[in-house]
């Protein structure tokens, strides 16, 4: 139990540090990634207006058509491609990446790289 509390405290500390440096606007929204053990969630957020512009997750119908698992690196890459396509439909080209306190490796890195390949700049 002590290990879990320590791990959650580290995640919260990193997330607070990242959020202090990253802010999204209408022209350049924040790409916020939330990760659980089995799923990934991606949102494009305008912090000035306090609104979410759009979002996709591993629960969405578009992702389920890919037949990938959200707990894998391949699934994260597929979700990144879908997120980039959704952003371009909303005329979003440039974003600020918010990794949500997660370390930049594995699924988070795969998602970010596939978003860049899909046409997003950050």
N, C-alpha and C. Protein backbone atom coordinates (compact mmCIF):
# COMPACT_ATOMS: atom_id res chain seq x y z
N UNK A 1 0.83 -1.19 0.00
CA UNK A 1 0.00 0.00 0.00
C UNK A 1 0.87 1.26 0.00
N UNK A 2 1.96 1.19 0.74
CA UNK A 2 2.86 2.34 0.83
C UNK A 2 3.45 2.69 -0.54
N UNK A 3 3.76 1.64 -1.32
CA UNK A 3 4.34 1.84 -2.65
C UNK A 3 3.33 2.54 -3.58
N UNK A 4 2.08 2.15 -3.51
CA UNK A 4 1.03 2.74 -4.35
C UNK A 4 0.84 4.22 -4.02
N UNK A 5 0.82 4.56 -2.74
CA UNK A 5 0.66 5.95 -2.31
C UNK A 5 1.83 6.80 -2.81
N UNK A 6 3.02 6.25 -2.72
CA UNK A 6 4.22 6.95 -3.18
C UNK A 6 4.18 7.17 -4.70
N UNK A 7 3.72 6.17 -5.43
CA UNK A 7 3.61 6.25 -6.88
C UNK A 7 2.59 7.31 -7.30
N UNK A 8 1.44 7.33 -6.62
CA UNK A 8 0.39 8.31 -6.93
C UNK A 8 0.84 9.73 -6.58
N UNK A 9 1.61 9.87 -5.52
CA UNK A 9 2.12 11.19 -5.14
C UNK A 9 3.10 11.72 -6.18
N UNK A 10 3.93 10.84 -6.72
CA UNK A 10 4.87 11.23 -7.77
C UNK A 10 4.15 11.66 -9.03
N UNK A 11 3.10 10.93 -9.40
CA UNK A 11 2.30 11.27 -10.57
C UNK A 11 1.65 12.64 -10.40
N UNK A 12 1.10 12.89 -9.23
CA UNK A 12 0.45 14.17 -8.96
C UNK A 12 1.47 15.32 -8.98
N UNK A 13 2.64 15.08 -8.43
CA UNK A 13 3.69 16.10 -8.41
C UNK A 13 4.14 16.44 -9.83
N UNK A 14 4.35 15.42 -10.65
CA UNK A 14 4.76 15.65 -12.04
C UNK A 14 3.66 16.35 -12.83
N UNK A 15 2.42 15.94 -12.62
CA UNK A 15 1.30 16.56 -13.33
C UNK A 15 1.16 18.04 -12.97
N UNK A 16 1.32 18.38 -11.71
CA UNK A 16 1.25 19.77 -11.27
C UNK A 16 2.38 20.59 -11.90
N UNK A 17 3.55 20.02 -11.98
CA UNK A 17 4.68 20.72 -12.58
C UNK A 17 4.46 20.95 -14.07
N UNK A 18 3.95 19.96 -14.77
CA UNK A 18 3.69 20.09 -16.20
C UNK A 18 2.59 21.13 -16.45
N UNK A 19 1.53 21.09 -15.66
CA UNK A 19 0.40 22.02 -15.85
C UNK A 19 0.79 23.46 -15.53
N UNK A 20 1.81 23.67 -14.73
CA UNK A 20 2.26 25.02 -14.44
C UNK A 20 2.96 25.65 -15.63
N UNK A 21 3.47 24.83 -16.54
CA UNK A 21 4.22 25.33 -17.69
C UNK A 21 3.41 25.31 -18.98
N UNK A 22 2.35 24.52 -19.04
CA UNK A 22 1.62 24.31 -20.29
C UNK A 22 0.24 24.93 -20.20
N UNK A 23 -0.11 25.73 -21.23
CA UNK A 23 -1.45 26.31 -21.29
C UNK A 23 -1.90 26.34 -22.74
N UNK A 24 -3.14 25.94 -22.97
CA UNK A 24 -3.68 25.91 -24.32
C UNK A 24 -4.55 27.10 -24.59
N UNK A 25 -4.57 27.53 -25.85
CA UNK A 25 -5.43 28.62 -26.30
C UNK A 25 -6.32 28.09 -27.43
N UNK A 26 -7.16 28.98 -27.97
CA UNK A 26 -8.04 28.56 -29.06
C UNK A 26 -7.23 28.21 -30.31
N UNK A 27 -6.16 28.97 -30.57
CA UNK A 27 -5.34 28.70 -31.76
C UNK A 27 -4.39 27.53 -31.55
N UNK A 28 -3.92 27.37 -30.33
CA UNK A 28 -2.98 26.30 -30.01
C UNK A 28 -3.45 25.59 -28.73
N UNK A 29 -4.42 24.66 -28.87
CA UNK A 29 -4.98 24.01 -27.67
C UNK A 29 -4.00 23.02 -27.03
N UNK A 30 -4.35 22.63 -25.83
CA UNK A 30 -3.55 21.66 -25.08
C UNK A 30 -4.04 20.26 -25.40
N UNK A 31 -3.13 19.39 -25.82
CA UNK A 31 -3.45 18.00 -26.07
C UNK A 31 -3.19 17.26 -24.76
N UNK A 32 -4.24 16.93 -24.06
CA UNK A 32 -4.15 16.33 -22.73
C UNK A 32 -4.33 14.82 -22.84
N UNK A 33 -3.39 14.06 -22.30
CA UNK A 33 -3.43 12.60 -22.33
C UNK A 33 -3.66 12.07 -20.92
N UNK A 34 -4.66 11.21 -20.79
CA UNK A 34 -4.92 10.54 -19.52
C UNK A 34 -4.76 9.05 -19.78
N UNK A 35 -4.03 8.39 -18.91
CA UNK A 35 -3.71 6.98 -19.11
C UNK A 35 -4.17 6.17 -17.91
N UNK A 36 -4.84 5.07 -18.18
CA UNK A 36 -5.12 4.09 -17.14
C UNK A 36 -4.42 2.80 -17.53
N UNK A 37 -4.62 1.75 -16.78
CA UNK A 37 -3.93 0.50 -17.10
C UNK A 37 -4.41 -0.11 -18.43
N UNK A 38 -5.70 0.09 -18.76
CA UNK A 38 -6.25 -0.54 -19.95
C UNK A 38 -6.62 0.44 -21.06
N UNK A 39 -6.73 1.72 -20.78
CA UNK A 39 -7.26 2.67 -21.75
C UNK A 39 -6.45 3.95 -21.81
N UNK A 40 -6.65 4.70 -22.90
CA UNK A 40 -6.06 6.02 -23.08
C UNK A 40 -7.18 6.99 -23.47
N UNK A 41 -7.06 8.21 -23.01
CA UNK A 41 -8.03 9.25 -23.32
C UNK A 41 -7.26 10.49 -23.78
N UNK A 42 -7.69 11.10 -24.88
CA UNK A 42 -7.03 12.27 -25.44
C UNK A 42 -8.07 13.37 -25.59
N UNK A 43 -7.75 14.57 -25.11
CA UNK A 43 -8.63 15.73 -25.26
C UNK A 43 -7.84 16.91 -25.77
N UNK A 44 -8.51 17.75 -26.57
CA UNK A 44 -7.95 19.02 -27.01
C UNK A 44 -8.69 20.10 -26.24
N UNK A 45 -7.96 20.86 -25.40
CA UNK A 45 -8.58 21.78 -24.44
C UNK A 45 -8.12 23.20 -24.67
N UNK A 46 -9.08 24.13 -24.66
CA UNK A 46 -8.81 25.57 -24.69
C UNK A 46 -8.87 26.05 -23.24
N UNK A 47 -7.72 26.31 -22.62
CA UNK A 47 -7.68 26.70 -21.21
C UNK A 47 -8.18 28.13 -20.98
N UNK A 48 -8.07 28.99 -21.98
CA UNK A 48 -8.53 30.37 -21.82
C UNK A 48 -10.04 30.39 -21.65
N UNK A 49 -10.76 29.65 -22.51
CA UNK A 49 -12.22 29.58 -22.42
C UNK A 49 -12.68 28.53 -21.41
N UNK A 50 -11.78 27.64 -21.05
CA UNK A 50 -12.14 26.58 -20.10
C UNK A 50 -13.03 25.52 -20.72
N UNK A 51 -12.83 25.23 -22.02
CA UNK A 51 -13.68 24.27 -22.72
C UNK A 51 -12.85 23.21 -23.43
N UNK A 52 -13.43 22.04 -23.52
CA UNK A 52 -12.83 20.96 -24.30
C UNK A 52 -13.31 21.08 -25.74
N UNK A 53 -12.40 21.13 -26.68
CA UNK A 53 -12.75 21.29 -28.08
C UNK A 53 -13.22 19.97 -28.67
N UNK A 54 -12.45 18.92 -28.48
CA UNK A 54 -12.83 17.59 -28.92
C UNK A 54 -11.99 16.56 -28.18
N UNK A 55 -12.36 15.32 -28.31
CA UNK A 55 -11.61 14.27 -27.63
C UNK A 55 -11.91 12.91 -28.21
N UNK A 56 -10.98 12.00 -28.04
CA UNK A 56 -11.15 10.61 -28.45
C UNK A 56 -10.57 9.71 -27.36
N UNK A 57 -11.01 8.48 -27.36
CA UNK A 57 -10.47 7.53 -26.38
C UNK A 57 -10.48 6.14 -26.98
N UNK A 58 -9.99 5.20 -26.22
CA UNK A 58 -9.99 3.81 -26.67
C UNK A 58 -11.39 3.22 -26.57
N UNK A 59 -12.34 3.95 -26.00
CA UNK A 59 -13.73 3.50 -25.94
C UNK A 59 -14.52 3.93 -27.17
N UNK A 60 -13.98 4.84 -27.97
CA UNK A 60 -14.73 5.38 -29.10
C UNK A 60 -14.92 4.31 -30.19
N UNK A 61 -15.97 4.48 -30.96
CA UNK A 61 -16.31 3.52 -32.01
C UNK A 61 -15.23 3.50 -33.10
N UNK A 62 -14.66 4.65 -33.38
CA UNK A 62 -13.63 4.73 -34.42
C UNK A 62 -12.39 3.91 -34.03
N UNK A 63 -12.03 3.94 -32.76
CA UNK A 63 -10.88 3.15 -32.30
C UNK A 63 -11.20 1.66 -32.30
N UNK A 64 -12.41 1.31 -31.92
CA UNK A 64 -12.78 -0.10 -31.84
C UNK A 64 -12.76 -0.78 -33.21
N UNK A 65 -12.93 0.01 -34.28
CA UNK A 65 -12.85 -0.54 -35.64
C UNK A 65 -11.44 -1.04 -35.97
N UNK A 66 -10.43 -0.49 -35.29
CA UNK A 66 -9.04 -0.88 -35.56
C UNK A 66 -8.70 -2.24 -34.97
N UNK A 67 -9.54 -2.74 -34.07
CA UNK A 67 -9.31 -4.04 -33.41
C UNK A 67 -8.01 -4.09 -32.64
N UNK A 68 -7.58 -2.94 -32.08
CA UNK A 68 -6.36 -2.88 -31.28
C UNK A 68 -6.73 -2.80 -29.81
N UNK A 69 -5.75 -3.05 -28.96
CA UNK A 69 -5.94 -3.01 -27.52
C UNK A 69 -5.36 -1.69 -26.99
N UNK A 70 -6.12 -0.96 -26.18
CA UNK A 70 -5.67 0.32 -25.66
C UNK A 70 -4.54 0.21 -24.64
N UNK A 71 -4.25 -0.99 -24.18
CA UNK A 71 -3.19 -1.18 -23.19
C UNK A 71 -1.84 -1.45 -23.83
N UNK A 72 -1.76 -1.38 -25.17
CA UNK A 72 -0.52 -1.68 -25.86
C UNK A 72 0.02 -0.45 -26.58
N UNK A 73 1.28 -0.51 -26.96
CA UNK A 73 1.92 0.58 -27.70
C UNK A 73 1.28 0.71 -29.08
N UNK A 74 0.93 -0.40 -29.71
CA UNK A 74 0.29 -0.36 -31.02
C UNK A 74 -1.07 0.32 -30.94
N UNK A 75 -1.82 0.04 -29.88
CA UNK A 75 -3.11 0.69 -29.68
C UNK A 75 -2.96 2.19 -29.47
N UNK A 76 -1.93 2.58 -28.74
CA UNK A 76 -1.68 4.00 -28.50
C UNK A 76 -1.33 4.71 -29.79
N UNK A 77 -0.56 4.06 -30.65
CA UNK A 77 -0.20 4.65 -31.94
C UNK A 77 -1.44 4.81 -32.81
N UNK A 78 -2.33 3.82 -32.79
CA UNK A 78 -3.57 3.91 -33.57
C UNK A 78 -4.45 5.05 -33.05
N UNK A 79 -4.50 5.21 -31.73
CA UNK A 79 -5.29 6.29 -31.14
C UNK A 79 -4.71 7.66 -31.49
N UNK A 80 -3.39 7.76 -31.56
CA UNK A 80 -2.74 9.01 -31.95
C UNK A 80 -3.10 9.42 -33.36
N UNK A 81 -3.16 8.46 -34.26
CA UNK A 81 -3.55 8.73 -35.63
C UNK A 81 -4.99 9.23 -35.70
N UNK A 82 -5.87 8.59 -34.95
CA UNK A 82 -7.28 9.00 -34.90
C UNK A 82 -7.41 10.39 -34.29
N UNK A 83 -6.64 10.67 -33.25
CA UNK A 83 -6.68 11.99 -32.60
C UNK A 83 -6.22 13.08 -33.55
N UNK A 84 -5.16 12.81 -34.32
CA UNK A 84 -4.66 13.80 -35.29
C UNK A 84 -5.70 14.07 -36.36
N UNK A 85 -6.37 13.03 -36.82
CA UNK A 85 -7.41 13.19 -37.84
C UNK A 85 -8.59 14.01 -37.29
N UNK A 86 -8.98 13.72 -36.06
CA UNK A 86 -10.08 14.45 -35.42
C UNK A 86 -9.71 15.93 -35.24
N UNK A 87 -8.48 16.20 -34.86
CA UNK A 87 -8.02 17.58 -34.68
C UNK A 87 -8.01 18.32 -36.01
N UNK A 88 -7.58 17.67 -37.06
CA UNK A 88 -7.55 18.32 -38.37
C UNK A 88 -8.96 18.61 -38.88
N UNK A 89 -9.92 17.76 -38.52
CA UNK A 89 -11.32 18.03 -38.87
C UNK A 89 -11.82 19.30 -38.19
N UNK A 90 -11.30 19.58 -37.01
CA UNK A 90 -11.66 20.79 -36.26
C UNK A 90 -10.73 21.97 -36.60
N UNK A 91 -9.87 21.79 -37.62
CA UNK A 91 -8.93 22.82 -38.09
C UNK A 91 -7.87 23.17 -37.04
N UNK A 92 -7.43 22.16 -36.31
CA UNK A 92 -6.35 22.33 -35.34
C UNK A 92 -5.08 21.77 -35.96
N UNK A 93 -4.05 22.59 -36.06
CA UNK A 93 -2.79 22.15 -36.64
C UNK A 93 -1.65 22.13 -35.61
N UNK A 94 -1.68 23.06 -34.66
CA UNK A 94 -0.61 23.19 -33.68
C UNK A 94 -1.20 23.00 -32.28
N UNK A 95 -0.52 22.20 -31.46
CA UNK A 95 -0.99 21.92 -30.10
C UNK A 95 0.18 22.00 -29.13
N UNK A 96 -0.16 22.04 -27.85
CA UNK A 96 0.81 21.95 -26.76
C UNK A 96 0.56 20.61 -26.09
N UNK A 97 1.60 19.79 -25.94
CA UNK A 97 1.44 18.43 -25.43
C UNK A 97 1.49 18.41 -23.91
N UNK A 98 0.44 17.85 -23.30
CA UNK A 98 0.37 17.67 -21.85
C UNK A 98 0.33 16.18 -21.58
N UNK A 99 1.45 15.64 -21.09
CA UNK A 99 1.53 14.21 -20.85
C UNK A 99 0.83 13.77 -19.58
N UNK A 100 0.27 14.71 -18.84
CA UNK A 100 -0.53 14.37 -17.66
C UNK A 100 0.26 13.79 -16.52
N UNK A 101 1.54 14.13 -16.41
CA UNK A 101 2.36 13.62 -15.31
C UNK A 101 2.96 12.26 -15.59
N UNK A 102 2.55 11.63 -16.69
CA UNK A 102 3.12 10.33 -17.06
C UNK A 102 4.49 10.53 -17.67
N UNK A 103 5.34 9.54 -17.51
CA UNK A 103 6.66 9.61 -18.11
C UNK A 103 6.55 9.47 -19.62
N UNK A 104 7.43 10.15 -20.35
CA UNK A 104 7.38 10.15 -21.80
C UNK A 104 8.11 8.92 -22.34
N UNK A 105 7.44 7.77 -22.28
CA UNK A 105 7.93 6.55 -22.88
C UNK A 105 6.76 5.61 -23.03
N UNK A 106 6.94 4.57 -23.79
CA UNK A 106 5.88 3.58 -23.97
C UNK A 106 4.69 4.12 -24.72
N UNK A 107 3.50 3.96 -24.12
CA UNK A 107 2.26 4.35 -24.78
C UNK A 107 2.16 5.85 -25.01
N UNK A 108 2.66 6.66 -24.07
CA UNK A 108 2.60 8.11 -24.21
C UNK A 108 3.47 8.56 -25.39
N UNK A 109 4.65 8.00 -25.49
CA UNK A 109 5.57 8.35 -26.58
C UNK A 109 5.00 7.90 -27.93
N UNK A 110 4.44 6.70 -28.00
CA UNK A 110 3.87 6.19 -29.24
C UNK A 110 2.70 7.06 -29.70
N UNK A 111 1.88 7.49 -28.76
CA UNK A 111 0.74 8.36 -29.08
C UNK A 111 1.23 9.70 -29.62
N UNK A 112 2.23 10.29 -28.98
CA UNK A 112 2.75 11.58 -29.40
C UNK A 112 3.39 11.50 -30.79
N UNK A 113 4.15 10.46 -31.03
CA UNK A 113 4.80 10.32 -32.33
C UNK A 113 3.81 10.09 -33.45
N UNK A 114 2.76 9.33 -33.19
CA UNK A 114 1.75 9.10 -34.24
C UNK A 114 0.92 10.36 -34.49
N UNK A 115 0.73 11.18 -33.46
CA UNK A 115 0.05 12.47 -33.66
C UNK A 115 0.90 13.37 -34.55
N UNK A 116 2.21 13.37 -34.32
CA UNK A 116 3.10 14.17 -35.17
C UNK A 116 3.07 13.66 -36.62
N UNK A 117 3.09 12.35 -36.80
CA UNK A 117 3.03 11.78 -38.14
C UNK A 117 1.68 12.09 -38.81
N UNK A 118 0.63 12.24 -38.00
CA UNK A 118 -0.70 12.56 -38.52
C UNK A 118 -0.86 14.01 -38.92
N UNK A 119 0.14 14.85 -38.63
CA UNK A 119 0.08 16.23 -39.08
C UNK A 119 0.02 17.28 -37.99
N UNK A 120 0.01 16.89 -36.72
CA UNK A 120 -0.02 17.87 -35.64
C UNK A 120 1.40 18.36 -35.34
N UNK A 121 1.52 19.62 -34.98
CA UNK A 121 2.82 20.19 -34.61
C UNK A 121 2.84 20.49 -33.12
N UNK A 122 3.87 20.01 -32.43
CA UNK A 122 4.11 20.37 -31.03
C UNK A 122 5.52 20.09 -30.64
